[in-house]
PDB file of N, CA and C in Angstrom:
ATOM      1  N   MET A   1      25.982   1.495  21.499  1.00  0.00           N
ATOM      2  CA  MET A   1      25.260   2.180  20.439  1.00  0.00           C
ATOM      3  C   MET A   1      25.266   1.349  19.150  1.00  0.00           C
ATOM      4  N   ARG A   2      26.386   0.669  18.897  1.00  0.00           N
ATOM      5  CA  ARG A   2      26.500  -0.127  17.676  1.00  0.00           C
ATOM      6  C   ARG A   2      25.489  -1.275  17.664  1.00  0.00           C
ATOM      7  N   SER A   3      25.263  -1.897  18.818  1.00  0.00           N
ATOM      8  CA  SER A   3      24.303  -3.001  18.870  1.00  0.00           C
ATOM      9  C   SER A   3      22.887  -2.515  18.604  1.00  0.00           C
ATOM     10  N   LEU A   4      22.609  -1.267  18.993  1.00  0.00           N
ATOM     11  CA  LEU A   4      21.288  -0.698  18.712  1.00  0.00           C
ATOM     12  C   LEU A   4      21.103  -0.509  17.206  1.00  0.00           C
ATOM     13  N   GLU A   5      22.156  -0.047  16.542  1.00  0.00           N
ATOM     14  CA  GLU A   5      22.097   0.133  15.087  1.00  0.00           C
ATOM     15  C   GLU A   5      21.904  -1.212  14.385  1.00  0.00           C
ATOM     16  N   MET A   6      22.610  -2.234  14.857  1.00  0.00           N
ATOM     17  CA  MET A   6      22.477  -3.568  14.267  1.00  0.00           C
ATOM     18  C   MET A   6      21.072  -4.118  14.486  1.00  0.00           C
ATOM     19  N   ALA A   7      20.534  -3.917  15.667  1.00  0.00           N
ATOM     20  CA  ALA A   7      19.183  -4.395  15.958  1.00  0.00           C
ATOM     21  C   ALA A   7      18.167  -3.705  15.055  1.00  0.00           C
ATOM     22  N   GLU A   8      18.379  -2.404  14.827  1.00  0.00           N
ATOM     23  CA  GLU A   8      17.482  -1.652  13.950  1.00  0.00           C
ATOM     24  C   GLU A   8      17.566  -2.172  12.512  1.00  0.00           C
ATOM     25  N   LYS A   9      18.773  -2.477  12.055  1.00  0.00           N
ATOM     26  CA  LYS A   9      18.964  -3.005  10.698  1.00  0.00           C
ATOM     27  C   LYS A   9      18.300  -4.372  10.547  1.00  0.00           C
ATOM     28  N   HIS A  10      18.442  -5.214  11.570  1.00  0.00           N
ATOM     29  CA  HIS A  10      17.827  -6.538  11.528  1.00  0.00           C
ATOM     30  C   HIS A  10      16.301  -6.431  11.530  1.00  0.00           C
ATOM     31  N   LEU A  11      15.786  -5.500  12.325  1.00  0.00           N
ATOM     32  CA  LEU A  11      14.343  -5.273  12.363  1.00  0.00           C
ATOM     33  C   LEU A  11      13.848  -4.810  10.991  1.00  0.00           C
ATOM     34  N   ALA A  12      14.553  -3.862  10.406  1.00  0.00           N
ATOM     35  CA  ALA A  12      14.171  -3.347   9.090  1.00  0.00           C
ATOM     36  C   ALA A  12      14.213  -4.460   8.044  1.00  0.00           C
ATOM     37  N   ALA A  13      15.244  -5.282   8.075  1.00  0.00           N
ATOM     38  CA  ALA A  13      15.368  -6.383   7.106  1.00  0.00           C
ATOM     39  C   ALA A  13      14.238  -7.390   7.284  1.00  0.00           C
ATOM     40  N   ALA A  14      13.878  -7.677   8.536  1.00  0.00           N
ATOM     41  CA  ALA A  14      12.791  -8.618   8.802  1.00  0.00           C
ATOM     42  C   ALA A  14      11.454  -8.066   8.319  1.00  0.00           C
ATOM     43  N   ILE A  15      11.245  -6.770   8.506  1.00  0.00           N
ATOM     44  CA  ILE A  15       9.993  -6.144   8.055  1.00  0.00           C
ATOM     45  C   ILE A  15       9.904  -6.172   6.536  1.00  0.00           C
ATOM     46  N   VAL A  16      10.993  -5.834   5.863  1.00  0.00           N
ATOM     47  CA  VAL A  16      11.006  -5.847   4.397  1.00  0.00           C
ATOM     48  C   VAL A  16      10.721  -7.254   3.873  1.00  0.00           C
ATOM     49  N   GLU A  17      11.336  -8.237   4.490  1.00  0.00           N
ATOM     50  CA  GLU A  17      11.138  -9.632   4.067  1.00  0.00           C
ATOM     51  C   GLU A  17       9.681 -10.055   4.271  1.00  0.00           C
ATOM     52  N   ARG A  18       9.113  -9.652   5.376  1.00  0.00           N
ATOM     53  CA  ARG A  18       7.713 -10.008   5.648  1.00  0.00           C
ATOM     54  C   ARG A  18       6.768  -9.356   4.641  1.00  0.00           C
ATOM     55  N   PHE A  19       6.988  -8.081   4.343  1.00  0.00           N
ATOM     56  CA  PHE A  19       6.122  -7.386   3.397  1.00  0.00           C
ATOM     57  C   PHE A  19       6.311  -7.885   1.971  1.00  0.00           C
ATOM     58  N   ALA A  20       7.493  -8.385   1.647  1.00  0.00           N
ATOM     59  CA  ALA A  20       7.756  -8.888   0.297  1.00  0.00           C
ATOM     60  C   ALA A  20       6.881 -10.098  -0.027  1.00  0.00           C
ATOM     61  N   GLY A  21       6.484 -10.850   0.990  1.00  0.00           N
ATOM     62  CA  GLY A  21       5.656 -12.028   0.763  1.00  0.00           C
ATOM     63  C   GLY A  21       4.167 -11.732   0.643  1.00  0.00           C
ATOM     64  N   MET A  22       3.777 -10.479   0.822  1.00  0.00           N
ATOM     65  CA  MET A  22       2.349 -10.107   0.775  1.00  0.00           C
ATOM     66  C   MET A  22       1.958  -9.622  -0.611  1.00  0.00           C
ATOM     67  N   SER A  23       0.667  -9.645  -0.860  1.00  0.00           N
ATOM     68  CA  SER A  23       0.165  -9.053  -2.104  1.00  0.00           C
ATOM     69  C   SER A  23       0.278  -7.534  -1.980  1.00  0.00           C
ATOM     70  N   ARG A  24       0.274  -6.836  -3.105  1.00  0.00           N
ATOM     71  CA  ARG A  24       0.413  -5.382  -3.089  1.00  0.00           C
ATOM     72  C   ARG A  24      -0.704  -4.735  -2.273  1.00  0.00           C
ATOM     73  N   LYS A  25      -1.921  -5.193  -2.470  1.00  0.00           N
ATOM     74  CA  LYS A  25      -3.066  -4.610  -1.776  1.00  0.00           C
ATOM     75  C   LYS A  25      -2.930  -4.760  -0.258  1.00  0.00           C
ATOM     76  N   GLU A  26      -2.527  -5.940   0.177  1.00  0.00           N
ATOM     77  CA  GLU A  26      -2.351  -6.197   1.609  1.00  0.00           C
ATOM     78  C   GLU A  26      -1.190  -5.370   2.170  1.00  0.00           C
ATOM     79  N   ARG A  27      -0.099  -5.282   1.394  1.00  0.00           N
ATOM     80  CA  ARG A  27       1.078  -4.529   1.812  1.00  0.00           C
ATOM     81  C   ARG A  27       0.748  -3.049   1.989  1.00  0.00           C
ATOM     82  N   VAL A  28       0.031  -2.477   1.034  1.00  0.00           N
ATOM     83  CA  VAL A  28      -0.338  -1.067   1.101  1.00  0.00           C
ATOM     84  C   VAL A  28      -1.235  -0.806   2.308  1.00  0.00           C
ATOM     85  N   ALA A  29      -2.200  -1.678   2.535  1.00  0.00           N
ATOM     86  CA  ALA A  29      -3.108  -1.505   3.670  1.00  0.00           C
ATOM     87  C   ALA A  29      -2.344  -1.544   4.996  1.00  0.00           C
ATOM     88  N   LYS A  30      -1.406  -2.464   5.136  1.00  0.00           N
ATOM     89  CA  LYS A  30      -0.653  -2.589   6.388  1.00  0.00           C
ATOM     90  C   LYS A  30       0.285  -1.404   6.600  1.00  0.00           C
ATOM     91  N   ILE A  31       0.941  -0.951   5.542  1.00  0.00           N
ATOM     92  CA  ILE A  31       1.837   0.200   5.665  1.00  0.00           C
ATOM     93  C   ILE A  31       1.040   1.434   6.050  1.00  0.00           C
ATOM     94  N   ARG A  32      -0.113   1.634   5.431  1.00  0.00           N
ATOM     95  CA  ARG A  32      -0.943   2.794   5.785  1.00  0.00           C
ATOM     96  C   ARG A  32      -1.410   2.725   7.229  1.00  0.00           C
ATOM     97  N   LYS A  33      -1.757   1.530   7.678  1.00  0.00           N
ATOM     98  CA  LYS A  33      -2.191   1.364   9.061  1.00  0.00           C
ATOM     99  C   LYS A  33      -1.048   1.661  10.028  1.00  0.00           C
ATOM    100  N   LEU A  34       0.139   1.129   9.736  1.00  0.00           N
ATOM    101  CA  LEU A  34       1.301   1.382  10.588  1.00  0.00           C
ATOM    102  C   LEU A  34       1.660   2.868  10.633  1.00  0.00           C
ATOM    103  N   ALA A  35       1.659   3.514   9.491  1.00  0.00           N
ATOM    104  CA  ALA A  35       2.057   4.920   9.415  1.00  0.00           C
ATOM    105  C   ALA A  35       1.015   5.848  10.029  1.00  0.00           C
ATOM    106  N   SER A  36      -0.232   5.435  10.069  1.00  0.00           N
ATOM    107  CA  SER A  36      -1.274   6.314  10.599  1.00  0.00           C
ATOM    108  C   SER A  36      -1.378   6.249  12.119  1.00  0.00           C
ATOM    109  N   ALA A  37      -0.631   5.364  12.760  1.00  0.00           N
ATOM    110  CA  ALA A  37      -0.704   5.224  14.221  1.00  0.00           C
ATOM    111  C   ALA A  37      -0.251   6.506  14.922  1.00  0.00           C
ATOM    112  N   SER A  38       0.826   7.119  14.462  1.00  0.00           N
ATOM    113  CA  SER A  38       1.306   8.376  15.049  1.00  0.00           C
ATOM    114  C   SER A  38       2.238   9.063  14.060  1.00  0.00           C
ATOM    115  N   ALA A  39       2.535  10.319  14.342  1.00  0.00           N
ATOM    116  CA  ALA A  39       3.441  11.067  13.471  1.00  0.00           C
ATOM    117  C   ALA A  39       4.842  10.448  13.499  1.00  0.00           C
ATOM    118  N   GLY A  40       5.249   9.953  14.656  1.00  0.00           N
ATOM    119  CA  GLY A  40       6.559   9.318  14.765  1.00  0.00           C
ATOM    120  C   GLY A  40       6.643   8.044  13.946  1.00  0.00           C
ATOM    121  N   ASP A  41       5.559   7.273  13.961  1.00  0.00           N
ATOM    122  CA  ASP A  41       5.528   6.038  13.162  1.00  0.00           C
ATOM    123  C   ASP A  41       5.564   6.354  11.677  1.00  0.00           C
ATOM    124  N   GLU A  42       4.850   7.393  11.280  1.00  0.00           N
ATOM    125  CA  GLU A  42       4.825   7.801   9.868  1.00  0.00           C
ATOM    126  C   GLU A  42       6.232   8.210   9.431  1.00  0.00           C
ATOM    127  N   LYS A  43       6.925   8.966  10.281  1.00  0.00           N
ATOM    128  CA  LYS A  43       8.283   9.403   9.957  1.00  0.00           C
ATOM    129  C   LYS A  43       9.230   8.200   9.874  1.00  0.00           C
ATOM    130  N   PHE A  44       9.087   7.260  10.809  1.00  0.00           N
ATOM    131  CA  PHE A  44       9.926   6.061  10.808  1.00  0.00           C
ATOM    132  C   PHE A  44       9.740   5.265   9.517  1.00  0.00           C
ATOM    133  N   ILE A  45       8.482   5.046   9.122  1.00  0.00           N
ATOM    134  CA  ILE A  45       8.188   4.300   7.891  1.00  0.00           C
ATOM    135  C   ILE A  45       8.751   5.043   6.687  1.00  0.00           C
ATOM    136  N   ARG A  46       8.537   6.358   6.637  1.00  0.00           N
ATOM    137  CA  ARG A  46       8.987   7.165   5.498  1.00  0.00           C
ATOM    138  C   ARG A  46      10.506   7.140   5.363  1.00  0.00           C
ATOM    139  N   GLU A  47      11.228   7.236   6.491  1.00  0.00           N
ATOM    140  CA  GLU A  47      12.688   7.294   6.427  1.00  0.00           C
ATOM    141  C   GLU A  47      13.340   5.912   6.293  1.00  0.00           C
ATOM    142  N   THR A  48      12.754   4.908   6.945  1.00  0.00           N
ATOM    143  CA  THR A  48      13.371   3.582   6.953  1.00  0.00           C
ATOM    144  C   THR A  48      13.000   2.749   5.733  1.00  0.00           C
ATOM    145  N   PHE A  49      11.765   2.901   5.267  1.00  0.00           N
ATOM    146  CA  PHE A  49      11.261   2.119   4.126  1.00  0.00           C
ATOM    147  C   PHE A  49      10.693   3.049   3.057  1.00  0.00           C
ATOM    148  N   PRO A  50      11.538   3.835   2.397  1.00  0.00           N
ATOM    149  CA  PRO A  50      11.017   4.813   1.427  1.00  0.00           C
ATOM    150  C   PRO A  50      10.252   4.169   0.265  1.00  0.00           C
ATOM    151  N   ASP A  51      10.670   2.994  -0.180  1.00  0.00           N
ATOM    152  CA  ASP A  51       9.974   2.335  -1.292  1.00  0.00           C
ATOM    153  C   ASP A  51       8.573   1.897  -0.878  1.00  0.00           C
ATOM    154  N   LEU A  52       8.454   1.318   0.310  1.00  0.00           N
ATOM    155  CA  LEU A  52       7.138   0.899   0.793  1.00  0.00           C
ATOM    156  C   LEU A  52       6.245   2.116   1.036  1.00  0.00           C
ATOM    157  N   TYR A  53       6.826   3.181   1.571  1.00  0.00           N
ATOM    158  CA  TYR A  53       6.055   4.404   1.820  1.00  0.00           C
ATOM    159  C   TYR A  53       5.534   4.975   0.503  1.00  0.00           C
ATOM    160  N   ARG A  54       6.413   5.045  -0.491  1.00  0.00           N
ATOM    161  CA  ARG A  54       6.001   5.569  -1.805  1.00  0.00           C
ATOM    162  C   ARG A  54       4.882   4.724  -2.403  1.00  0.00           C
ATOM    163  N   GLU A  55       5.029   3.420  -2.298  1.00  0.00           N
ATOM    164  CA  GLU A  55       4.018   2.518  -2.844  1.00  0.00           C
ATOM    165  C   GLU A  55       2.672   2.716  -2.160  1.00  0.00           C
ATOM    166  N   ALA A  56       2.678   2.974  -0.858  1.00  0.00           N
ATOM    167  CA  ALA A  56       1.437   3.083  -0.096  1.00  0.00           C
ATOM    168  C   ALA A  56       0.783   4.457  -0.203  1.00  0.00           C
ATOM    169  N   PHE A  57       1.576   5.522  -0.331  1.00  0.00           N
ATOM    170  CA  PHE A  57       0.999   6.859  -0.230  1.00  0.00           C
ATOM    171  C   PHE A  57       1.058   7.708  -1.483  1.00  0.00           C
ATOM    172  N   LEU A  58       1.989   7.453  -2.366  1.00  0.00           N
ATOM    173  CA  LEU A  58       2.074   8.275  -3.562  1.00  0.00           C
ATOM    174  C   LEU A  58       1.363   7.589  -4.705  1.00  0.00           C
ATOM    175  N   SER A  59       0.465   8.302  -5.313  1.00  0.00           N
ATOM    176  CA  SER A  59      -0.380   7.732  -6.354  1.00  0.00           C
ATOM    177  C   SER A  59       0.417   7.472  -7.631  1.00  0.00           C
ATOM    178  N   PRO A  60       0.263   6.288  -8.227  1.00  0.00           N
ATOM    179  CA  PRO A  60       0.947   6.011  -9.489  1.00  0.00           C
ATOM    180  C   PRO A  60       0.224   6.619 -10.687  1.00  0.00           C
ATOM    181  N   ARG A  61      -0.964   7.157 -10.433  1.00  0.00           N
ATOM    182  CA  ARG A  61      -1.748   7.745 -11.530  1.00  0.00           C
ATOM    183  C   ARG A  61      -1.150   9.076 -11.969  1.00  0.00           C
ATOM    184  N   PRO A  62      -1.382   9.461 -13.202  1.00  0.00           N
ATOM    185  CA  PRO A  62      -0.883  10.746 -13.683  1.00  0.00           C
ATOM    186  C   PRO A  62      -1.511  11.898 -12.896  1.00  0.00           C
ATOM    187  N   VAL A  63      -0.806  12.992 -12.828  1.00  0.00           N
ATOM    188  CA  VAL A  63      -1.301  14.158 -12.099  1.00  0.00           C
ATOM    189  C   VAL A  63      -2.422  14.834 -12.877  1.00  0.00           C
ATOM    190  N   ALA A  64      -3.211  15.640 -12.192  1.00  0.00           N
ATOM    191  CA  ALA A  64      -4.300  16.372 -12.840  1.00  0.00           C
ATOM    192  C   ALA A  64      -3.716  17.296 -13.902  1.00  0.00           C
ATOM    193  N   GLY A  65      -4.382  17.383 -15.011  1.00  0.00           N
ATOM    194  CA  GLY A  65      -3.923  18.236 -16.095  1.00  0.00           C
ATOM    195  C   GLY A  65      -2.975  17.538 -17.042  1.00  0.00           C
ATOM    196  N   GLY A  66      -2.655  16.289 -16.761  1.00  0.00           N
ATOM    197  CA  GLY A  66      -1.770  15.535 -17.641  1.00  0.00           C
ATOM    198  C   GLY A  66      -2.527  15.042 -18.860  1.00  0.00           C
ATOM    199  N   ARG A  67      -1.820  14.477 -19.790  1.00  0.00           N
ATOM    200  CA  ARG A  67      -2.458  13.977 -21.001  1.00  0.00           C
ATOM    201  C   ARG A  67      -3.186  12.667 -20.745  1.00  0.00           C
ATOM    202  N   SER A  68      -4.247  12.454 -21.497  1.00  0.00           N
ATOM    203  CA  SER A  68      -4.954  11.180 -21.429  1.00  0.00           C
ATOM    204  C   SER A  68      -4.147  10.142 -22.197  1.00  0.00           C
ATOM    205  N   GLU A  69      -4.540   8.899 -22.075  1.00  0.00           N
ATOM    206  CA  GLU A  69      -3.828   7.825 -22.783  1.00  0.00           C
ATOM    207  C   GLU A  69      -3.848   8.067 -24.289  1.00  0.00           C
ATOM    208  N   SER A  70      -5.004   8.465 -24.827  1.00  0.00           N
ATOM    209  CA  SER A  70      -5.071   8.695 -26.276  1.00  0.00           C
ATOM    210  C   SER A  70      -4.201   9.885 -26.682  1.00  0.00           C
ATOM    211  N   GLY A  71      -4.123  10.894 -25.826  1.00  0.00           N
ATOM    212  CA  GLY A  71      -3.267  12.040 -26.107  1.00  0.00           C
ATOM    213  C   GLY A  71      -1.795  11.666 -26.092  1.00  0.00           C
ATOM    214  N   ARG A  72      -1.414  10.820 -25.152  1.00  0.00           N
ATOM    215  CA  ARG A  72      -0.016  10.356 -25.094  1.00  0.00           C
ATOM    216  C   ARG A  72       0.320   9.517 -26.322  1.00  0.00           C
ATOM    217  N   ARG A  73      -0.643   8.682 -26.751  1.00  0.00           N
ATOM    218  CA  ARG A  73      -0.421   7.839 -27.927  1.00  0.00           C
ATOM    219  C   ARG A  73      -0.217   8.710 -29.166  1.00  0.00           C
ATOM    220  N   ARG A  74      -1.052   9.734 -29.320  1.00  0.00           N
ATOM    221  CA  ARG A  74      -0.928  10.650 -30.467  1.00  0.00           C
ATOM    222  C   ARG A  74       0.414  11.374 -30.425  1.00  0.00           C
ATOM    223  N   ALA A  75       0.832  11.804 -29.236  1.00  0.00           N
ATOM    224  CA  ALA A  75       2.091  12.527 -29.097  1.00  0.00           C
ATOM    225  C   ALA A  75       3.266  11.624 -29.477  1.00  0.00           C
ATOM    226  N   ARG A  76       3.210  10.368 -29.066  1.00  0.00           N
ATOM    227  CA  ARG A  76       4.293   9.437 -29.408  1.00  0.00           C
ATOM    228  C   ARG A  76       4.346   9.169 -30.900  1.00  0.00           C
ATOM    229  N   SER A  77       3.193   9.065 -31.526  1.00  0.00           N
ATOM    230  CA  SER A  77       3.185   8.734 -32.944  1.00  0.00           C
ATOM    231  C   SER A  77       3.406   9.951 -33.844  1.00  0.00           C
ATOM    232  N   GLY A  78       3.270  11.133 -33.267  1.00  0.00           N
ATOM    233  CA  GLY A  78       3.458  12.351 -34.064  1.00  0.00           C
ATOM    234  C   GLY A  78       2.211  12.715 -34.845  1.00  0.00           C
ATOM    235  N   ALA A  79       1.110  11.996 -34.659  1.00  0.00           N
ATOM    236  CA  ALA A  79      -0.128  12.286 -35.389  1.00  0.00           C
ATOM    237  C   ALA A  79      -0.756  13.575 -34.870  1.00  0.00           C
ATOM    238  N   ARG A  80      -1.415  14.255 -35.772  1.00  0.00           N
ATOM    239  CA  ARG A  80      -2.108  15.473 -35.381  1.00  0.00           C
ATOM    240  C   ARG A  80      -3.588  15.177 -35.219  1.00  0.00           C
ATOM    241  N   ARG A  81      -4.233  15.998 -34.487  1.00  0.00           N
ATOM    242  CA  ARG A  81      -5.652  15.843 -34.235  1.00  0.00           C
ATOM    243  C   ARG A  81      -6.488  16.359 -35.362  1.00  0.00           C
TER     244      ARG A  81
END
């Protein structure tokens, strides 16, 4: 059982190293493709590579109803409208 765990760790390390050499756009496309193959693959990617999963699937944009850039700037400066 221990050798299986080691093999899994080596596989994960090799995958991380390979993705680190790619551009963000290419990395996101490949992670999405891998995760969309099956529910099991999606779970494996999500649990084994949480940072890559977050980068590929969770939007870095602000949520709906959030402040616009100008609104955030005004809030930081304390200026009133």
